[in-house]
Every structure is written in structure tokens, then in C-alpha cells.
Amino acid sequence: MDRKSLIREYKESARPMGVYRVRNTRTGKSLVGVSVDLPSILNRHRAQLKLNSHANRSLQDDWNELGSDGFEFEILDTLKPADTPDYKPADDLKMLEELWLEKLSPFGDQGYNTARKRSP
């Protein structure tokens, strides 16, 4: 297969979407989030941390202190897309994220997430 075909195949393939976590293995603090492309978002977090440019300064400070060996990047849950071509996963991802935020409570001293779940 030629390079152009491989690139096209990659771009057309469905990317895994769902909930991820960046976890400090020393303290247990976590950053929990969702993405429609889990491999890409985890790669982005790693790159930003390595370049000392992550938006979450608390996470960046811990990374600078502990280095890459002090963190795990993991997929917590995946969302299977609906078979309809007009499927928009935003609401399903938000609900899945809220479940994991409630379960893990990565806020304050326990995590890097800054906003608590909104009450109805």
C-alpha cells in the first residue's frame, strides 16, 4: 500500500472516543476528560507536559517535579458510536464524563479538575 492510501485509510478510520485520565502515580491525583479521539488527546497531554506548556499549571508543576515516570495515561471508558451517519456524541460523552467525575471526584486535593459537576 502506498503512503497516500495509508494516510487516507487512517483519516477515514473511526477513532476510539470516551473518557481518559492522566494520573499522578505518587499522589493519586487525576485529570479526567473526554475526547472523540482518545489516542490524540492523550498524545497532546504528553506533548504539552514535555514542552512545559500544559494549561493546567498544577499538573504541569507536578510533572516538572516527578517527570514522565510519575504519571499514567489511561483510557477509562469508551463510547461506541451509533450506526447512524448523523450521530453527534457530545451528549453521550458528557454523560459518561459526569459518571466518571462522580466516581473518581478528581477535584481539590484529589485531582487536577477545576470545576465540579454542575447541579441540575
PDB file of N, CA and C in Angstrom:
ATOM      1  N   MET A   1       0.853  -1.179   0.000  1.00  0.00           N
ATOM      2  CA  MET A   1       0.000   0.000   0.000  1.00  0.00           C
ATOM      3  C   MET A   1       0.900   1.245   0.000  1.00  0.00           C
ATOM      4  N   ASP A   2       0.556   2.244  -0.776  1.00  0.00           N
ATOM      5  CA  ASP A   2       1.381   3.452  -0.824  1.00  0.00           C
ATOM      6  C   ASP A   2       1.044   4.401   0.331  1.00  0.00           C
ATOM      7  N   ARG A   3       1.887   5.366   0.525  1.00  0.00           N
ATOM      8  CA  ARG A   3       1.769   6.296   1.647  1.00  0.00           C
ATOM      9  C   ARG A   3       0.442   7.059   1.633  1.00  0.00           C
ATOM     10  N   LYS A   4       0.007   7.544   0.475  1.00  0.00           N
ATOM     11  CA  LYS A   4      -1.252   8.287   0.378  1.00  0.00           C
ATOM     12  C   LYS A   4      -2.441   7.429   0.779  1.00  0.00           C
ATOM     13  N   SER A   5      -2.416   6.180   0.376  1.00  0.00           N
ATOM     14  CA  SER A   5      -3.507   5.266   0.726  1.00  0.00           C
ATOM     15  C   SER A   5      -3.539   5.018   2.230  1.00  0.00           C
ATOM     16  N   LEU A   6      -2.371   4.857   2.832  1.00  0.00           N
ATOM     17  CA  LEU A   6      -2.302   4.648   4.274  1.00  0.00           C
ATOM     18  C   LEU A   6      -2.826   5.859   5.039  1.00  0.00           C
ATOM     19  N   ILE A   7      -2.469   7.037   4.587  1.00  0.00           N
ATOM     20  CA  ILE A   7      -2.940   8.264   5.237  1.00  0.00           C
ATOM     21  C   ILE A   7      -4.448   8.388   5.105  1.00  0.00           C
ATOM     22  N   ARG A   8      -4.970   8.135   3.912  1.00  0.00           N
ATOM     23  CA  ARG A   8      -6.416   8.211   3.696  1.00  0.00           C
ATOM     24  C   ARG A   8      -7.143   7.190   4.571  1.00  0.00           C
ATOM     25  N   GLU A   9      -6.627   5.983   4.641  1.00  0.00           N
ATOM     26  CA  GLU A   9      -7.243   4.937   5.461  1.00  0.00           C
ATOM     27  C   GLU A   9      -7.263   5.343   6.931  1.00  0.00           C
ATOM     28  N   TYR A  10      -6.156   5.925   7.395  1.00  0.00           N
ATOM     29  CA  TYR A  10      -6.077   6.380   8.783  1.00  0.00           C
ATOM     30  C   TYR A  10      -7.119   7.465   9.050  1.00  0.00           C
ATOM     31  N   LYS A  11      -7.214   8.451   8.171  1.00  0.00           N
ATOM     32  CA  LYS A  11      -8.145   9.553   8.358  1.00  0.00           C
ATOM     33  C   LYS A  11      -9.599   9.106   8.315  1.00  0.00           C
ATOM     34  N   GLU A  12      -9.884   8.065   7.557  1.00  0.00           N
ATOM     35  CA  GLU A  12     -11.253   7.583   7.416  1.00  0.00           C
ATOM     36  C   GLU A  12     -11.642   6.581   8.502  1.00  0.00           C
ATOM     37  N   SER A  13     -10.669   6.076   9.239  1.00  0.00           N
ATOM     38  CA  SER A  13     -10.975   5.088  10.272  1.00  0.00           C
ATOM     39  C   SER A  13     -11.603   5.759  11.488  1.00  0.00           C
ATOM     40  N   ALA A  14     -12.491   5.045  12.130  1.00  0.00           N
ATOM     41  CA  ALA A  14     -13.145   5.559  13.331  1.00  0.00           C
ATOM     42  C   ALA A  14     -12.143   5.535  14.486  1.00  0.00           C
ATOM     43  N   ARG A  15     -12.005   6.650  15.161  1.00  0.00           N
ATOM     44  CA  ARG A  15     -11.089   6.763  16.286  1.00  0.00           C
ATOM     45  C   ARG A  15     -11.853   6.417  17.566  1.00  0.00           C
ATOM     46  N   PRO A  16     -11.215   5.759  18.522  1.00  0.00           N
ATOM     47  CA  PRO A  16     -11.907   5.462  19.775  1.00  0.00           C
ATOM     48  C   PRO A  16     -12.197   6.758  20.542  1.00  0.00           C
ATOM     49  N   MET A  17     -13.420   6.873  21.046  1.00  0.00           N
ATOM     50  CA  MET A  17     -13.801   8.040  21.824  1.00  0.00           C
ATOM     51  C   MET A  17     -14.277   7.599  23.194  1.00  0.00           C
ATOM     52  N   GLY A  18     -14.161   8.502  24.161  1.00  0.00           N
ATOM     53  CA  GLY A  18     -14.597   8.166  25.503  1.00  0.00           C
ATOM     54  C   GLY A  18     -13.922   9.017  26.558  1.00  0.00           C
ATOM     55  N   VAL A  19     -13.722   8.407  27.734  1.00  0.00           N
ATOM     56  CA  VAL A  19     -13.192   9.094  28.910  1.00  0.00           C
ATOM     57  C   VAL A  19     -11.760   8.647  29.150  1.00  0.00           C
ATOM     58  N   TYR A  20     -10.902   9.597  29.481  1.00  0.00           N
ATOM     59  CA  TYR A  20      -9.500   9.297  29.756  1.00  0.00           C
ATOM     60  C   TYR A  20      -9.098   9.904  31.097  1.00  0.00           C
ATOM     61  N   ARG A  21      -7.929   9.462  31.566  1.00  0.00           N
ATOM     62  CA  ARG A  21      -7.389  10.015  32.809  1.00  0.00           C
ATOM     63  C   ARG A  21      -5.880  10.133  32.717  1.00  0.00           C
ATOM     64  N   VAL A  22      -5.358  11.252  33.205  1.00  0.00           N
ATOM     65  CA  VAL A  22      -3.928  11.434  33.420  1.00  0.00           C
ATOM     66  C   VAL A  22      -3.774  11.362  34.939  1.00  0.00           C
ATOM     67  N   ARG A  23      -3.038  10.356  35.421  1.00  0.00           N
ATOM     68  CA  ARG A  23      -2.975  10.117  36.870  1.00  0.00           C
ATOM     69  C   ARG A  23      -1.553  10.215  37.397  1.00  0.00           C
ATOM     70  N   ASN A  24      -1.402  10.983  38.452  1.00  0.00           N
ATOM     71  CA  ASN A  24      -0.145  11.092  39.175  1.00  0.00           C
ATOM     72  C   ASN A  24      -0.034   9.829  40.028  1.00  0.00           C
ATOM     73  N   THR A  25       0.949   8.976  39.749  1.00  0.00           N
ATOM     74  CA  THR A  25       1.046   7.690  40.442  1.00  0.00           C
ATOM     75  C   THR A  25       1.556   7.840  41.873  1.00  0.00           C
ATOM     76  N   ARG A  26       2.169   8.961  42.187  1.00  0.00           N
ATOM     77  CA  ARG A  26       2.664   9.165  43.546  1.00  0.00           C
ATOM     78  C   ARG A  26       1.560   9.658  44.470  1.00  0.00           C
ATOM     79  N   THR A  27       0.770  10.628  44.008  1.00  0.00           N
ATOM     80  CA  THR A  27      -0.255  11.225  44.869  1.00  0.00           C
ATOM     81  C   THR A  27      -1.657  10.690  44.599  1.00  0.00           C
ATOM     82  N   GLY A  28      -1.863  10.086  43.432  1.00  0.00           N
ATOM     83  CA  GLY A  28      -3.190   9.610  43.055  1.00  0.00           C
ATOM     84  C   GLY A  28      -4.067  10.679  42.431  1.00  0.00           C
ATOM     85  N   LYS A  29      -3.574  11.930  42.359  1.00  0.00           N
ATOM     86  CA  LYS A  29      -4.357  13.000  41.740  1.00  0.00           C
ATOM     87  C   LYS A  29      -4.570  12.690  40.265  1.00  0.00           C
ATOM     88  N   SER A  30      -5.740  13.062  39.762  1.00  0.00           N
ATOM     89  CA  SER A  30      -6.092  12.748  38.377  1.00  0.00           C
ATOM     90  C   SER A  30      -6.684  13.941  37.653  1.00  0.00           C
ATOM     91  N   LEU A  31      -6.476  13.935  36.353  1.00  0.00           N
ATOM     92  CA  LEU A  31      -7.179  14.832  35.434  1.00  0.00           C
ATOM     93  C   LEU A  31      -8.047  13.920  34.581  1.00  0.00           C
ATOM     94  N   VAL A  32      -9.351  14.135  34.608  1.00  0.00           N
ATOM     95  CA  VAL A  32     -10.297  13.314  33.864  1.00  0.00           C
ATOM     96  C   VAL A  32     -10.926  14.168  32.774  1.00  0.00           C
ATOM     97  N   GLY A  33     -11.049  13.602  31.581  1.00  0.00           N
ATOM     98  CA  GLY A  33     -11.658  14.332  30.482  1.00  0.00           C
ATOM     99  C   GLY A  33     -12.242  13.392  29.446  1.00  0.00           C
ATOM    100  N   VAL A  34     -12.840  13.953  28.407  1.00  0.00           N
ATOM    101  CA  VAL A  34     -13.414  13.171  27.321  1.00  0.00           C
ATOM    102  C   VAL A  34     -12.867  13.673  25.995  1.00  0.00           C
ATOM    103  N   SER A  35     -12.923  12.802  25.003  1.00  0.00           N
ATOM    104  CA  SER A  35     -12.479  13.179  23.667  1.00  0.00           C
ATOM    105  C   SER A  35     -13.130  12.268  22.634  1.00  0.00           C
ATOM    106  N   VAL A  36     -13.293  12.799  21.426  1.00  0.00           N
ATOM    107  CA  VAL A  36     -13.767  11.988  20.308  1.00  0.00           C
ATOM    108  C   VAL A  36     -12.594  11.249  19.661  1.00  0.00           C
ATOM    109  N   ASP A  37     -11.384  11.505  20.127  1.00  0.00           N
ATOM    110  CA  ASP A  37     -10.177  10.843  19.614  1.00  0.00           C
ATOM    111  C   ASP A  37      -9.211  10.632  20.781  1.00  0.00           C
ATOM    112  N   LEU A  38      -9.403   9.537  21.504  1.00  0.00           N
ATOM    113  CA  LEU A  38      -8.626   9.291  22.715  1.00  0.00           C
ATOM    114  C   LEU A  38      -7.113   9.216  22.488  1.00  0.00           C
ATOM    115  N   PRO A  39      -6.634   8.491  21.483  1.00  0.00           N
ATOM    116  CA  PRO A  39      -5.177   8.470  21.296  1.00  0.00           C
ATOM    117  C   PRO A  39      -4.586   9.859  21.069  1.00  0.00           C
ATOM    118  N   SER A  40      -5.286  10.694  20.322  1.00  0.00           N
ATOM    119  CA  SER A  40      -4.787  12.037  20.039  1.00  0.00           C
ATOM    120  C   SER A  40      -4.754  12.927  21.276  1.00  0.00           C
ATOM    121  N   ILE A  41      -5.804  12.883  22.095  1.00  0.00           N
ATOM    122  CA  ILE A  41      -5.829  13.754  23.273  1.00  0.00           C
ATOM    123  C   ILE A  41      -4.775  13.329  24.279  1.00  0.00           C
ATOM    124  N   LEU A  42      -4.563  12.029  24.440  1.00  0.00           N
ATOM    125  CA  LEU A  42      -3.529  11.574  25.371  1.00  0.00           C
ATOM    126  C   LEU A  42      -2.148  11.963  24.862  1.00  0.00           C
ATOM    127  N   ASN A  43      -1.951  11.862  23.568  1.00  0.00           N
ATOM    128  CA  ASN A  43      -0.693  12.296  22.970  1.00  0.00           C
ATOM    129  C   ASN A  43      -0.497  13.804  23.154  1.00  0.00           C
ATOM    130  N   ARG A  44      -1.570  14.573  23.013  1.00  0.00           N
ATOM    131  CA  ARG A  44      -1.492  16.020  23.188  1.00  0.00           C
ATOM    132  C   ARG A  44      -1.090  16.379  24.619  1.00  0.00           C
ATOM    133  N   HIS A  45      -1.713  15.710  25.600  1.00  0.00           N
ATOM    134  CA  HIS A  45      -1.355  15.965  27.002  1.00  0.00           C
ATOM    135  C   HIS A  45       0.130  15.658  27.243  1.00  0.00           C
ATOM    136  N   ARG A  46       0.591  14.509  26.751  1.00  0.00           N
ATOM    137  CA  ARG A  46       2.009  14.157  26.912  1.00  0.00           C
ATOM    138  C   ARG A  46       2.919  15.222  26.297  1.00  0.00           C
ATOM    139  N   ALA A  47       2.605  15.632  25.085  1.00  0.00           N
ATOM    140  CA  ALA A  47       3.437  16.613  24.388  1.00  0.00           C
ATOM    141  C   ALA A  47       3.449  17.948  25.128  1.00  0.00           C
ATOM    142  N   GLN A  48       2.294  18.421  25.561  1.00  0.00           N
ATOM    143  CA  GLN A  48       2.239  19.699  26.274  1.00  0.00           C
ATOM    144  C   GLN A  48       3.026  19.634  27.583  1.00  0.00           C
ATOM    145  N   LEU A  49       2.919  18.516  28.278  1.00  0.00           N
ATOM    146  CA  LEU A  49       3.662  18.369  29.528  1.00  0.00           C
ATOM    147  C   LEU A  49       5.167  18.336  29.272  1.00  0.00           C
ATOM    148  N   LYS A  50       5.582  17.605  28.240  1.00  0.00           N
ATOM    149  CA  LYS A  50       7.010  17.538  27.913  1.00  0.00           C
ATOM    150  C   LYS A  50       7.557  18.896  27.500  1.00  0.00           C
ATOM    151  N   LEU A  51       6.722  19.713  26.856  1.00  0.00           N
ATOM    152  CA  LEU A  51       7.146  21.036  26.397  1.00  0.00           C
ATOM    153  C   LEU A  51       6.927  22.139  27.445  1.00  0.00           C
ATOM    154  N   ASN A  52       6.496  21.732  28.633  1.00  0.00           N
ATOM    155  CA  ASN A  52       6.232  22.668  29.728  1.00  0.00           C
ATOM    156  C   ASN A  52       5.205  23.730  29.321  1.00  0.00           C
ATOM    157  N   SER A  53       4.178  23.304  28.582  1.00  0.00           N
ATOM    158  CA  SER A  53       3.174  24.253  28.102  1.00  0.00           C
ATOM    159  C   SER A  53       1.741  23.814  28.398  1.00  0.00           C
ATOM    160  N   HIS A  54       1.554  22.929  29.364  1.00  0.00           N
ATOM    161  CA  HIS A  54       0.208  22.452  29.679  1.00  0.00           C
ATOM    162  C   HIS A  54      -0.588  23.562  30.362  1.00  0.00           C
ATOM    163  N   ALA A  55      -1.845  23.699  30.001  1.00  0.00           N
ATOM    164  CA  ALA A  55      -2.705  24.753  30.542  1.00  0.00           C
ATOM    165  C   ALA A  55      -2.990  24.569  32.028  1.00  0.00           C
ATOM    166  N   ASN A  56      -2.984  23.336  32.502  1.00  0.00           N
ATOM    167  CA  ASN A  56      -3.236  23.070  33.919  1.00  0.00           C
ATOM    168  C   ASN A  56      -1.905  23.187  34.661  1.00  0.00           C
ATOM    169  N   ARG A  57      -1.681  24.330  35.307  1.00  0.00           N
ATOM    170  CA  ARG A  57      -0.385  24.606  35.939  1.00  0.00           C
ATOM    171  C   ARG A  57      -0.074  23.652  37.087  1.00  0.00           C
ATOM    172  N   SER A  58      -1.065  23.234  37.823  1.00  0.00           N
ATOM    173  CA  SER A  58      -0.825  22.298  38.924  1.00  0.00           C
ATOM    174  C   SER A  58      -0.309  20.959  38.393  1.00  0.00           C
ATOM    175  N   LEU A  59      -0.931  20.481  37.335  1.00  0.00           N
ATOM    176  CA  LEU A  59      -0.487  19.251  36.689  1.00  0.00           C
ATOM    177  C   LEU A  59       0.925  19.438  36.129  1.00  0.00           C
ATOM    178  N   GLN A  60       1.158  20.567  35.479  1.00  0.00           N
ATOM    179  CA  GLN A  60       2.475  20.836  34.896  1.00  0.00           C
ATOM    180  C   GLN A  60       3.553  20.901  35.976  1.00  0.00           C
ATOM    181  N   ASP A  61       3.254  21.533  37.098  1.00  0.00           N
ATOM    182  CA  ASP A  61       4.229  21.616  38.191  1.00  0.00           C
ATOM    183  C   ASP A  61       4.578  20.233  38.725  1.00  0.00           C
ATOM    184  N   ASP A  62       3.565  19.376  38.894  1.00  0.00           N
ATOM    185  CA  ASP A  62       3.828  18.017  39.372  1.00  0.00           C
ATOM    186  C   ASP A  62       4.643  17.229  38.350  1.00  0.00           C
ATOM    187  N   TRP A  63       4.341  17.405  37.077  1.00  0.00           N
ATOM    188  CA  TRP A  63       5.089  16.742  36.010  1.00  0.00           C
ATOM    189  C   TRP A  63       6.557  17.183  36.047  1.00  0.00           C
ATOM    190  N   ASN A  64       6.765  18.482  36.202  1.00  0.00           N
ATOM    191  CA  ASN A  64       8.127  19.002  36.239  1.00  0.00           C
ATOM    192  C   ASN A  64       8.901  18.424  37.418  1.00  0.00           C
ATOM    193  N   GLU A  65       8.216  18.184  38.522  1.00  0.00           N
ATOM    194  CA  GLU A  65       8.858  17.637  39.716  1.00  0.00           C
ATOM    195  C   GLU A  65       9.109  16.135  39.597  1.00  0.00           C
ATOM    196  N   LEU A  66       8.131  15.391  39.075  1.00  0.00           N
ATOM    197  CA  LEU A  66       8.209  13.929  39.066  1.00  0.00           C
ATOM    198  C   LEU A  66       8.704  13.335  37.757  1.00  0.00           C
ATOM    199  N   GLY A  67       8.510  14.051  36.660  1.00  0.00           N
ATOM    200  CA  GLY A  67       8.871  13.514  35.356  1.00  0.00           C
ATOM    201  C   GLY A  67       7.829  12.537  34.842  1.00  0.00           C
ATOM    202  N   SER A  68       8.073  12.013  33.665  1.00  0.00           N
ATOM    203  CA  SER A  68       7.098  11.144  33.000  1.00  0.00           C
ATOM    204  C   SER A  68       6.849   9.839  33.751  1.00  0.00           C
ATOM    205  N   ASP A  69       7.832   9.370  34.502  1.00  0.00           N
ATOM    206  CA  ASP A  69       7.658   8.118  35.244  1.00  0.00           C
ATOM    207  C   ASP A  69       6.639   8.248  36.370  1.00  0.00           C
ATOM    208  N   GLY A  70       6.287   9.459  36.735  1.00  0.00           N
ATOM    209  CA  GLY A  70       5.334   9.675  37.813  1.00  0.00           C
ATOM    210  C   GLY A  70       3.888   9.746  37.367  1.00  0.00           C
ATOM    211  N   PHE A  71       3.628   9.462  36.084  1.00  0.00           N
ATOM    212  CA  PHE A  71       2.270   9.603  35.555  1.00  0.00           C
ATOM    213  C   PHE A  71       1.857   8.428  34.691  1.00  0.00           C
ATOM    214  N   GLU A  72       0.552   8.158  34.713  1.00  0.00           N
ATOM    215  CA  GLU A  72      -0.061   7.165  33.827  1.00  0.00           C
ATOM    216  C   GLU A  72      -1.109   7.875  32.978  1.00  0.00           C
ATOM    217  N   PHE A  73      -1.190   7.453  31.730  1.00  0.00           N
ATOM    218  CA  PHE A  73      -2.198   7.964  30.805  1.00  0.00           C
ATOM    219  C   PHE A  73      -3.078   6.774  30.461  1.00  0.00           C
ATOM    220  N   GLU A  74      -4.359   6.856  30.793  1.00  0.00           N
ATOM    221  CA  GLU A  74      -5.207   5.684  30.597  1.00  0.00           C
ATOM    222  C   GLU A  74      -6.575   6.026  30.036  1.00  0.00           C
ATOM    223  N   ILE A  75      -7.123   5.071  29.338  1.00  0.00           N
ATOM    224  CA  ILE A  75      -8.489   5.169  28.830  1.00  0.00           C
ATOM    225  C   ILE A  75      -9.379   4.479  29.853  1.00  0.00           C
ATOM    226  N   LEU A  76     -10.332   5.223  30.403  1.00  0.00           N
ATOM    227  CA  LEU A  76     -11.212   4.689  31.433  1.00  0.00           C
ATOM    228  C   LEU A  76     -12.441   4.009  30.850  1.00  0.00           C
ATOM    229  N   ASP A  77     -12.959   4.563  29.764  1.00  0.00           N
ATOM    230  CA  ASP A  77     -14.204   4.061  29.191  1.00  0.00           C
ATOM    231  C   ASP A  77     -14.294   4.508  27.747  1.00  0.00           C
ATOM    232  N   THR A  78     -14.839   3.661  26.902  1.00  0.00           N
ATOM    233  CA  THR A  78     -15.018   4.044  25.507  1.00  0.00           C
ATOM    234  C   THR A  78     -16.499   4.073  25.163  1.00  0.00           C
ATOM    235  N   LEU A  79     -16.803   4.852  24.167  1.00  0.00           N
ATOM    236  CA  LEU A  79     -18.178   5.013  23.693  1.00  0.00           C
ATOM    237  C   LEU A  79     -18.246   4.491  22.279  1.00  0.00           C
ATOM    238  N   LYS A  80     -19.123   3.552  22.063  1.00  0.00           N
ATOM    239  CA  LYS A  80     -19.302   3.020  20.720  1.00  0.00           C
ATOM    240  C   LYS A  80     -20.238   3.952  19.955  1.00  0.00           C
ATOM    241  N   PRO A  81     -19.789   4.435  18.809  1.00  0.00           N
ATOM    242  CA  PRO A  81     -20.646   5.356  18.060  1.00  0.00           C
ATOM    243  C   PRO A  81     -21.892   4.656  17.531  1.00  0.00           C
ATOM    244  N   ALA A  82     -22.977   5.410  17.445  1.00  0.00           N
ATOM    245  CA  ALA A  82     -24.210   4.869  16.868  1.00  0.00           C
ATOM    246  C   ALA A  82     -23.986   4.618  15.386  1.00  0.00           C
ATOM    247  N   ASP A  83     -24.768   3.752  14.821  1.00  0.00           N
ATOM    248  CA  ASP A  83     -24.612   3.390  13.414  1.00  0.00           C
ATOM    249  C   ASP A  83     -25.184   4.418  12.449  1.00  0.00           C
ATOM    250  N   THR A  84     -25.770   5.467  12.975  1.00  0.00           N
ATOM    251  CA  THR A  84     -26.349   6.481  12.097  1.00  0.00           C
ATOM    252  C   THR A  84     -25.273   7.490  11.683  1.00  0.00           C
ATOM    253  N   PRO A  85     -25.291   7.919  10.433  1.00  0.00           N
ATOM    254  CA  PRO A  85     -24.249   8.834   9.943  1.00  0.00           C
ATOM    255  C   PRO A  85     -24.296  10.224  10.582  1.00  0.00           C
ATOM    256  N   ASP A  86     -25.448  10.629  11.112  1.00  0.00           N
ATOM    257  CA  ASP A  86     -25.566  11.957  11.704  1.00  0.00           C
ATOM    258  C   ASP A  86     -25.376  11.944  13.223  1.00  0.00           C
ATOM    259  N   TYR A  87     -24.814  10.861  13.765  1.00  0.00           N
ATOM    260  CA  TYR A  87     -24.614  10.724  15.213  1.00  0.00           C
ATOM    261  C   TYR A  87     -23.663  11.802  15.735  1.00  0.00           C
ATOM    262  N   LYS A  88     -24.102  12.501  16.766  1.00  0.00           N
ATOM    263  CA  LYS A  88     -23.297  13.509  17.446  1.00  0.00           C
ATOM    264  C   LYS A  88     -23.060  13.011  18.878  1.00  0.00           C
ATOM    265  N   PRO A  89     -21.816  12.671  19.220  1.00  0.00           N
ATOM    266  CA  PRO A  89     -21.533  12.031  20.506  1.00  0.00           C
ATOM    267  C   PRO A  89     -21.445  12.979  21.705  1.00  0.00           C
ATOM    268  N   ALA A  90     -21.569  14.277  21.525  1.00  0.00           N
ATOM    269  CA  ALA A  90     -21.321  15.236  22.603  1.00  0.00           C
ATOM    270  C   ALA A  90     -22.134  14.941  23.868  1.00  0.00           C
ATOM    271  N   ASP A  91     -23.434  14.713  23.742  1.00  0.00           N
ATOM    272  CA  ASP A  91     -24.267  14.471  24.924  1.00  0.00           C
ATOM    273  C   ASP A  91     -23.895  13.161  25.607  1.00  0.00           C
ATOM    274  N   ASP A  92     -23.638  12.119  24.817  1.00  0.00           N
ATOM    275  CA  ASP A  92     -23.256  10.829  25.400  1.00  0.00           C
ATOM    276  C   ASP A  92     -21.906  10.926  26.102  1.00  0.00           C
ATOM    277  N   LEU A  93     -20.966  11.653  25.512  1.00  0.00           N
ATOM    278  CA  LEU A  93     -19.656  11.829  26.142  1.00  0.00           C
ATOM    279  C   LEU A  93     -19.775  12.627  27.435  1.00  0.00           C
ATOM    280  N   LYS A  94     -20.613  13.657  27.432  1.00  0.00           N
ATOM    281  CA  LYS A  94     -20.806  14.466  28.634  1.00  0.00           C
ATOM    282  C   LYS A  94     -21.370  13.619  29.771  1.00  0.00           C
ATOM    283  N   MET A  95     -22.346  12.765  29.460  1.00  0.00           N
ATOM    284  CA  MET A  95     -22.947  11.912  30.474  1.00  0.00           C
ATOM    285  C   MET A  95     -21.909  10.915  31.016  1.00  0.00           C
ATOM    286  N   LEU A  96     -21.129  10.330  30.124  1.00  0.00           N
ATOM    287  CA  LEU A  96     -20.087   9.385  30.527  1.00  0.00           C
ATOM    288  C   LEU A  96     -19.041  10.079  31.406  1.00  0.00           C
ATOM    289  N   GLU A  97     -18.664  11.298  31.029  1.00  0.00           N
ATOM    290  CA  GLU A  97     -17.699  12.057  31.825  1.00  0.00           C
ATOM    291  C   GLU A  97     -18.253  12.348  33.216  1.00  0.00           C
ATOM    292  N   GLU A  98     -19.501  12.752  33.299  1.00  0.00           N
ATOM    293  CA  GLU A  98     -20.110  13.048  34.601  1.00  0.00           C
ATOM    294  C   GLU A  98     -20.121  11.820  35.502  1.00  0.00           C
ATOM    295  N   LEU A  99     -20.368  10.649  34.923  1.00  0.00           N
ATOM    296  CA  LEU A  99     -20.328   9.412  35.716  1.00  0.00           C
ATOM    297  C   LEU A  99     -18.938   9.182  36.310  1.00  0.00           C
ATOM    298  N   TRP A 100     -17.900   9.373  35.485  1.00  0.00           N
ATOM    299  CA  TRP A 100     -16.531   9.159  35.960  1.00  0.00           C
ATOM    300  C   TRP A 100     -16.092  10.247  36.934  1.00  0.00           C
ATOM    301  N   LEU A 101     -16.514  11.487  36.713  1.00  0.00           N
ATOM    302  CA  LEU A 101     -16.188  12.552  37.651  1.00  0.00           C
ATOM    303  C   LEU A 101     -16.817  12.284  39.012  1.00  0.00           C
ATOM    304  N   GLU A 102     -18.048  11.793  38.999  1.00  0.00           N
ATOM    305  CA  GLU A 102     -18.725  11.459  40.254  1.00  0.00           C
ATOM    306  C   GLU A 102     -18.019  10.289  40.945  1.00  0.00           C
ATOM    307  N   LYS A 103     -17.606   9.311  40.172  1.00  0.00           N
ATOM    308  CA  LYS A 103     -16.955   8.120  40.738  1.00  0.00           C
ATOM    309  C   LYS A 103     -15.571   8.441  41.311  1.00  0.00           C
ATOM    310  N   LEU A 104     -14.773   9.244  40.593  1.00  0.00           N
ATOM    311  CA  LEU A 104     -13.387   9.491  40.990  1.00  0.00           C
ATOM    312  C   LEU A 104     -13.190  10.768  41.805  1.00  0.00           C
ATOM    313  N   SER A 105     -14.094  11.728  41.692  1.00  0.00           N
ATOM    314  CA  SER A 105     -14.002  13.025  42.377  1.00  0.00           C
ATOM    315  C   SER A 105     -12.612  13.642  42.279  1.00  0.00           C
ATOM    316  N   PRO A 106     -12.132  13.908  41.046  1.00  0.00           N
ATOM    317  CA  PRO A 106     -10.775  14.454  40.883  1.00  0.00           C
ATOM    318  C   PRO A 106     -10.730  15.973  41.059  1.00  0.00           C
ATOM    319  N   PHE A 107     -11.174  16.447  42.224  1.00  0.00           N
ATOM    320  CA  PHE A 107     -11.260  17.874  42.493  1.00  0.00           C
ATOM    321  C   PHE A 107     -10.426  18.215  43.728  1.00  0.00           C
ATOM    322  N   GLY A 108     -10.064  19.477  43.853  1.00  0.00           N
ATOM    323  CA  GLY A 108      -9.323  19.935  45.026  1.00  0.00           C
ATOM    324  C   GLY A 108      -8.034  19.162  45.209  1.00  0.00           C
ATOM    325  N   ASP A 109      -7.797  18.685  46.414  1.00  0.00           N
ATOM    326  CA  ASP A 109      -6.570  17.945  46.718  1.00  0.00           C
ATOM    327  C   ASP A 109      -6.527  16.566  46.068  1.00  0.00           C
ATOM    328  N   GLN A 110      -7.657  16.102  45.574  1.00  0.00           N
ATOM    329  CA  GLN A 110      -7.731  14.765  44.973  1.00  0.00           C
ATOM    330  C   GLN A 110      -7.507  14.779  43.471  1.00  0.00           C
ATOM    331  N   GLY A 111      -7.412  15.957  42.865  1.00  0.00           N
ATOM    332  CA  GLY A 111      -7.272  15.940  41.420  1.00  0.00           C
ATOM    333  C   GLY A 111      -6.884  17.267  40.812  1.00  0.00           C
ATOM    334  N   TYR A 112      -6.821  17.234  39.483  1.00  0.00           N
ATOM    335  CA  TYR A 112      -6.452  18.408  38.706  1.00  0.00           C
ATOM    336  C   TYR A 112      -7.644  19.064  38.032  1.00  0.00           C
ATOM    337  N   ASN A 113      -8.827  18.445  38.117  1.00  0.00           N
ATOM    338  CA  ASN A 113     -10.018  19.055  37.537  1.00  0.00           C
ATOM    339  C   ASN A 113     -10.408  20.243  38.389  1.00  0.00           C
ATOM    340  N   THR A 114     -10.800  21.328  37.753  1.00  0.00           N
ATOM    341  CA  THR A 114     -11.067  22.557  38.491  1.00  0.00           C
ATOM    342  C   THR A 114     -12.551  22.811  38.728  1.00  0.00           C
ATOM    343  N   ALA A 115     -13.409  22.300  37.868  1.00  0.00           N
ATOM    344  CA  ALA A 115     -14.835  22.567  38.005  1.00  0.00           C
ATOM    345  C   ALA A 115     -15.563  21.328  38.501  1.00  0.00           C
ATOM    346  N   ARG A 116     -16.376  21.510  39.486  1.00  0.00           N
ATOM    347  CA  ARG A 116     -17.187  20.399  39.965  1.00  0.00           C
ATOM    348  C   ARG A 116     -18.380  20.222  39.040  1.00  0.00           C
ATOM    349  N   LYS A 117     -18.955  19.044  39.109  1.00  0.00           N
ATOM    350  CA  LYS A 117     -20.139  18.748  38.306  1.00  0.00           C
ATOM    351  C   LYS A 117     -21.246  19.741  38.646  1.00  0.00           C
ATOM    352  N   ARG A 118     -21.874  20.274  37.619  1.00  0.00           N
ATOM    353  CA  ARG A 118     -22.962  21.230  37.837  1.00  0.00           C
ATOM    354  C   ARG A 118     -24.196  20.503  38.348  1.00  0.00           C
ATOM    355  N   SER A 119     -24.868  21.128  39.287  1.00  0.00           N
ATOM    356  CA  SER A 119     -26.106  20.533  39.784  1.00  0.00           C
ATOM    357  C   SER A 119     -27.255  20.884  38.837  1.00  0.00           C
ATOM    358  N   PRO A 120     -28.263  20.010  38.765  1.00  0.00           N
ATOM    359  CA  PRO A 120     -29.379  20.251  37.836  1.00  0.00           C
ATOM    360  C   PRO A 120     -30.235  21.430  38.221  1.00  0.00           C
TER     361      PRO A 120
END
